[in-house]
Amino acid sequence: MDFDLVPPTGVGPLRIGMTRHAASTALGLLRDPSAVSESDRPGQHVFRPSGLMISIHCMRDILEAIELGRPSSRTDRVLFRGVDVFALPAREVVQRMGEFTSIEEDPDDDASFIAPDLLLSFWRPFAADAPEEEQGYHFSSVLLAQPGYYDTPAQAAERLQRSS
């Protein structure tokens, strides 16, 4: 199954801004009823048979972010404008993302990248651009968030002031 990242809207039936209850229901729709994982936590995350983890993050009863963890098989793909964010090497994902938007290395973690205009962030446990270092060679997770999710307290105050 393909999961298209549509920032800042969402992924599949999961929509940023929906209620926690609606998000929990939508998350349940992404389970494979023929292969429910014992690791699933209703209302938090599900694991598909491919190993793809889909997690929801709610604050004040509203879905603020959706995180997807790299599957172990290719039966599920996570795509952004045709870029398979888990199948391609991390550096290639960054290069291809750069064709659509600005993407920058996280100043606190050289293994992570943020596309701030799209509210997407990509993480791997360590930076390694050698294929034999599987965990560093590919991204391990991608997070799609609502506007303001990455704001510092000062940025949040500025955003609030601009919207009033």
C-alpha atoms as a PDB file:
ATOM      1  CA  MET A   1       0.000   0.000   0.000  1.00  0.00           C
ATOM      2  CA  ASP A   2       1.224   3.507  -0.755  1.00  0.00           C
ATOM      3  CA  PHE A   3       1.052   6.206   1.904  1.00  0.00           C
ATOM      4  CA  ASP A   4       1.292   9.672   0.363  1.00  0.00           C
ATOM      5  CA  LEU A   5       2.564  12.451   2.601  1.00  0.00           C
ATOM      6  CA  VAL A   6       0.433  15.534   1.966  1.00  0.00           C
ATOM      7  CA  PRO A   7       1.809  18.290   4.183  1.00  0.00           C
ATOM      8  CA  PRO A   8       0.350  19.973   6.123  1.00  0.00           C
ATOM      9  CA  THR A   9      -2.907  18.047   5.547  1.00  0.00           C
ATOM     10  CA  GLY A  10      -1.974  14.502   6.567  1.00  0.00           C
ATOM     11  CA  VAL A  11      -1.514  10.910   5.416  1.00  0.00           C
ATOM     12  CA  GLY A  12      -4.363   8.740   4.166  1.00  0.00           C
ATOM     13  CA  PRO A  13      -7.390   9.133   6.456  1.00  0.00           C
ATOM     14  CA  LEU A  14      -5.292  10.902   9.129  1.00  0.00           C
ATOM     15  CA  ARG A  15      -5.798  14.669   8.938  1.00  0.00           C
ATOM     16  CA  ILE A  16      -3.870  17.207  10.985  1.00  0.00           C
ATOM     17  CA  GLY A  17      -6.344  19.090  13.205  1.00  0.00           C
ATOM     18  CA  MET A  18      -8.868  16.258  13.566  1.00  0.00           C
ATOM     19  CA  THR A  19     -10.004  15.304  17.049  1.00  0.00           C
ATOM     20  CA  ARG A  20      -8.169  12.622  19.004  1.00  0.00           C
ATOM     21  CA  HIS A  21     -11.215  10.353  18.704  1.00  0.00           C
ATOM     22  CA  ALA A  22     -11.413  10.794  14.915  1.00  0.00           C
ATOM     23  CA  ALA A  23      -7.630  10.280  14.628  1.00  0.00           C
ATOM     24  CA  SER A  24      -7.836   7.087  16.681  1.00  0.00           C
ATOM     25  CA  THR A  25     -10.626   5.805  14.427  1.00  0.00           C
ATOM     26  CA  ALA A  26      -8.656   6.712  11.273  1.00  0.00           C
ATOM     27  CA  LEU A  27      -5.531   5.056  12.672  1.00  0.00           C
ATOM     28  CA  GLY A  28      -7.534   1.882  13.208  1.00  0.00           C
ATOM     29  CA  LEU A  29      -8.489   1.912   9.524  1.00  0.00           C
ATOM     30  CA  LEU A  30      -4.786   1.628   8.639  1.00  0.00           C
ATOM     31  CA  ARG A  31      -4.407  -1.703  10.457  1.00  0.00           C
ATOM     32  CA  ASP A  32      -4.418  -4.897   8.457  1.00  0.00           C
ATOM     33  CA  PRO A  33      -7.275  -6.843  10.114  1.00  0.00           C
ATOM     34  CA  SER A  34      -5.785 -10.129   8.892  1.00  0.00           C
ATOM     35  CA  ALA A  35      -2.446  -9.451  10.633  1.00  0.00           C
ATOM     36  CA  VAL A  36      -2.962  -7.279  13.718  1.00  0.00           C
ATOM     37  CA  SER A  37       0.330  -6.706  15.533  1.00  0.00           C
ATOM     38  CA  GLU A  38       0.632  -7.387  19.256  1.00  0.00           C
ATOM     39  CA  SER A  39       2.681  -4.167  19.382  1.00  0.00           C
ATOM     40  CA  ASP A  40      -0.301  -2.025  18.332  1.00  0.00           C
ATOM     41  CA  ARG A  41      -1.510   0.534  20.861  1.00  0.00           C
ATOM     42  CA  PRO A  42      -4.987   1.763  19.869  1.00  0.00           C
ATOM     43  CA  GLY A  43      -5.081   5.541  19.763  1.00  0.00           C
ATOM     44  CA  GLN A  44      -1.262   5.702  19.644  1.00  0.00           C
ATOM     45  CA  HIS A  45       0.307   3.559  16.922  1.00  0.00           C
ATOM     46  CA  VAL A  46      -0.160   0.569  14.656  1.00  0.00           C
ATOM     47  CA  PHE A  47       2.298  -1.729  12.929  1.00  0.00           C
ATOM     48  CA  ARG A  48       1.406  -3.060   9.508  1.00  0.00           C
ATOM     49  CA  PRO A  49       2.605  -6.510   8.346  1.00  0.00           C
ATOM     50  CA  SER A  50       5.395  -4.762   6.375  1.00  0.00           C
ATOM     51  CA  GLY A  51       6.775  -3.415   9.655  1.00  0.00           C
ATOM     52  CA  LEU A  52       5.580   0.116   8.819  1.00  0.00           C
ATOM     53  CA  MET A  53       4.759   1.912  12.061  1.00  0.00           C
ATOM     54  CA  ILE A  54       2.155   4.680  11.977  1.00  0.00           C
ATOM     55  CA  SER A  55       1.912   6.830  15.081  1.00  0.00           C
ATOM     56  CA  ILE A  56      -0.304   9.761  15.997  1.00  0.00           C
ATOM     57  CA  HIS A  57       0.628  12.622  18.316  1.00  0.00           C
ATOM     58  CA  CYS A  58      -2.229  14.594  19.867  1.00  0.00           C
ATOM     59  CA  MET A  59      -2.167  17.636  22.114  1.00  0.00           C
ATOM     60  CA  ARG A  60      -5.254  19.184  23.710  1.00  0.00           C
ATOM     61  CA  ASP A  61      -7.369  16.500  21.988  1.00  0.00           C
ATOM     62  CA  ILE A  62      -6.218  17.539  18.478  1.00  0.00           C
ATOM     63  CA  LEU A  63      -4.003  15.588  16.057  1.00  0.00           C
ATOM     64  CA  GLU A  64      -0.811  17.648  15.703  1.00  0.00           C
ATOM     65  CA  ALA A  65       1.594  15.204  14.059  1.00  0.00           C
ATOM     66  CA  ILE A  66       1.792  11.860  12.296  1.00  0.00           C
ATOM     67  CA  GLU A  67       4.968   9.798  12.358  1.00  0.00           C
ATOM     68  CA  LEU A  68       5.777   6.868  10.087  1.00  0.00           C
ATOM     69  CA  GLY A  69       8.583   4.409  10.802  1.00  0.00           C
ATOM     70  CA  ARG A  70      10.494   2.603   8.064  1.00  0.00           C
ATOM     71  CA  PRO A  71       8.956  -0.735   7.026  1.00  0.00           C
ATOM     72  CA  SER A  72      11.095  -3.850   6.809  1.00  0.00           C
ATOM     73  CA  SER A  73       9.524  -4.921   3.499  1.00  0.00           C
ATOM     74  CA  ARG A  74       8.455  -2.964   0.432  1.00  0.00           C
ATOM     75  CA  THR A  75       4.786  -3.960   0.515  1.00  0.00           C
ATOM     76  CA  ASP A  76       4.128  -0.519   2.049  1.00  0.00           C
ATOM     77  CA  ARG A  77       5.726   2.638   0.668  1.00  0.00           C
ATOM     78  CA  VAL A  78       5.784   6.166   2.078  1.00  0.00           C
ATOM     79  CA  LEU A  79       5.925   8.747  -0.691  1.00  0.00           C
ATOM     80  CA  PHE A  80       6.244  12.470  -1.074  1.00  0.00           C
ATOM     81  CA  ARG A  81       5.622  13.589  -4.665  1.00  0.00           C
ATOM     82  CA  GLY A  82       6.858  10.233  -5.923  1.00  0.00           C
ATOM     83  CA  VAL A  83       9.951  10.144  -3.685  1.00  0.00           C
ATOM     84  CA  ASP A  84      10.003   6.906  -1.657  1.00  0.00           C
ATOM     85  CA  VAL A  85      11.383   8.344   1.574  1.00  0.00           C
ATOM     86  CA  PHE A  86      12.396   4.980   3.070  1.00  0.00           C
ATOM     87  CA  ALA A  87      13.614   3.028   0.026  1.00  0.00           C
ATOM     88  CA  LEU A  88      16.083   5.633  -1.247  1.00  0.00           C
ATOM     89  CA  PRO A  89      19.356   6.498   0.531  1.00  0.00           C
ATOM     90  CA  ALA A  90      18.877   9.391   2.971  1.00  0.00           C
ATOM     91  CA  ARG A  91      21.157  11.754   0.998  1.00  0.00           C
ATOM     92  CA  GLU A  92      19.198  11.059  -2.184  1.00  0.00           C
ATOM     93  CA  VAL A  93      15.911  11.791  -0.389  1.00  0.00           C
ATOM     94  CA  VAL A  94      17.379  15.109   0.800  1.00  0.00           C
ATOM     95  CA  GLN A  95      18.592  15.946  -2.708  1.00  0.00           C
ATOM     96  CA  ARG A  96      15.236  15.076  -4.308  1.00  0.00           C
ATOM     97  CA  MET A  97      13.280  16.930  -1.613  1.00  0.00           C
ATOM     98  CA  GLY A  98      15.460  19.959  -2.357  1.00  0.00           C
ATOM     99  CA  GLU A  99      13.903  20.056  -5.836  1.00  0.00           C
ATOM    100  CA  PHE A 100      10.511  20.843  -4.228  1.00  0.00           C
ATOM    101  CA  THR A 101      11.320  22.839  -1.113  1.00  0.00           C
ATOM    102  CA  SER A 102      14.061  23.968   1.228  1.00  0.00           C
ATOM    103  CA  ILE A 103      15.397  21.171   3.405  1.00  0.00           C
ATOM    104  CA  GLU A 104      18.087  21.637   5.993  1.00  0.00           C
ATOM    105  CA  GLU A 105      20.143  19.626   8.401  1.00  0.00           C
ATOM    106  CA  ASP A 106      18.776  19.800  11.930  1.00  0.00           C
ATOM    107  CA  PRO A 107      21.228  22.064  13.800  1.00  0.00           C
ATOM    108  CA  ASP A 108      21.024  19.761  16.836  1.00  0.00           C
ATOM    109  CA  ASP A 109      21.365  16.448  14.960  1.00  0.00           C
ATOM    110  CA  ASP A 110      23.377  15.994  11.753  1.00  0.00           C
ATOM    111  CA  ALA A 111      21.505  12.743  11.001  1.00  0.00           C
ATOM    112  CA  SER A 112      18.150  14.544  10.799  1.00  0.00           C
ATOM    113  CA  PHE A 113      16.692  16.942   8.257  1.00  0.00           C
ATOM    114  CA  ILE A 114      13.769  19.338   8.338  1.00  0.00           C
ATOM    115  CA  ALA A 115      11.726  20.742   5.467  1.00  0.00           C
ATOM    116  CA  PRO A 116      10.279  23.656   7.487  1.00  0.00           C
ATOM    117  CA  ASP A 117       7.978  24.999   4.772  1.00  0.00           C
ATOM    118  CA  LEU A 118       6.322  21.578   4.482  1.00  0.00           C
ATOM    119  CA  LEU A 119       6.426  20.700   8.178  1.00  0.00           C
ATOM    120  CA  LEU A 120       8.202  17.425   7.420  1.00  0.00           C
ATOM    121  CA  SER A 121      11.166  16.061   9.338  1.00  0.00           C
ATOM    122  CA  PHE A 122      13.304  13.047   8.559  1.00  0.00           C
ATOM    123  CA  TRP A 123      15.316  11.099  11.147  1.00  0.00           C
ATOM    124  CA  ARG A 124      17.930   8.382  11.169  1.00  0.00           C
ATOM    125  CA  PRO A 125      19.824   7.165  14.236  1.00  0.00           C
ATOM    126  CA  PHE A 126      23.190   8.326  12.915  1.00  0.00           C
ATOM    127  CA  ALA A 127      24.610   9.885   9.777  1.00  0.00           C
ATOM    128  CA  ALA A 128      26.222   7.224   7.606  1.00  0.00           C
ATOM    129  CA  ASP A 129      26.213   7.446   3.857  1.00  0.00           C
ATOM    130  CA  ALA A 130      27.711   3.993   3.377  1.00  0.00           C
ATOM    131  CA  PRO A 131      25.233   1.291   2.214  1.00  0.00           C
ATOM    132  CA  GLU A 132      26.551  -1.264   4.707  1.00  0.00           C
ATOM    133  CA  GLU A 133      25.358   0.961   7.569  1.00  0.00           C
ATOM    134  CA  GLU A 134      21.651   0.306   6.919  1.00  0.00           C
ATOM    135  CA  GLN A 135      20.343   2.291   9.913  1.00  0.00           C
ATOM    136  CA  GLY A 136      22.235   5.423   8.937  1.00  0.00           C
ATOM    137  CA  TYR A 137      22.048   5.001   5.185  1.00  0.00           C
ATOM    138  CA  HIS A 138      18.232   5.249   5.061  1.00  0.00           C
ATOM    139  CA  PHE A 139      15.874   7.390   7.069  1.00  0.00           C
ATOM    140  CA  SER A 140      14.161   5.516   9.899  1.00  0.00           C
ATOM    141  CA  SER A 141      11.191   7.831  10.349  1.00  0.00           C
ATOM    142  CA  VAL A 142       9.369  10.795   8.881  1.00  0.00           C
ATOM    143  CA  LEU A 143       7.118  13.153  10.812  1.00  0.00           C
ATOM    144  CA  LEU A 144       4.401  15.335   9.266  1.00  0.00           C
ATOM    145  CA  ALA A 145       3.182  18.081  11.586  1.00  0.00           C
ATOM    146  CA  GLN A 146       0.826  21.008  11.919  1.00  0.00           C
ATOM    147  CA  PRO A 147       2.011  24.599  11.431  1.00  0.00           C
ATOM    148  CA  GLY A 148       3.936  25.727  14.492  1.00  0.00           C
ATOM    149  CA  TYR A 149       4.888  22.222  15.628  1.00  0.00           C
ATOM    150  CA  TYR A 150       8.611  23.030  15.555  1.00  0.00           C
ATOM    151  CA  ASP A 151       8.284  26.560  16.905  1.00  0.00           C
ATOM    152  CA  THR A 152      10.321  27.706  19.860  1.00  0.00           C
ATOM    153  CA  PRO A 153       8.283  29.486  22.568  1.00  0.00           C
ATOM    154  CA  ALA A 154       9.271  32.850  21.033  1.00  0.00           C
ATOM    155  CA  GLN A 155       8.206  31.731  17.549  1.00  0.00           C
ATOM    156  CA  ALA A 156       4.910  30.396  18.930  1.00  0.00           C
ATOM    157  CA  ALA A 157       4.227  33.768  20.601  1.00  0.00           C
ATOM    158  CA  GLU A 158       5.044  35.566  17.334  1.00  0.00           C
ATOM    159  CA  ARG A 159       2.765  33.221  15.350  1.00  0.00           C
ATOM    160  CA  LEU A 160      -0.050  33.805  17.872  1.00  0.00           C
ATOM    161  CA  GLN A 161       0.423  37.568  17.657  1.00  0.00           C
ATOM    162  CA  ARG A 162       0.317  37.502  13.837  1.00  0.00           C
ATOM    163  CA  SER A 163      -2.923  35.479  13.837  1.00  0.00           C
ATOM    164  CA  SER A 164      -4.743  37.866  16.202  1.00  0.00           C
END
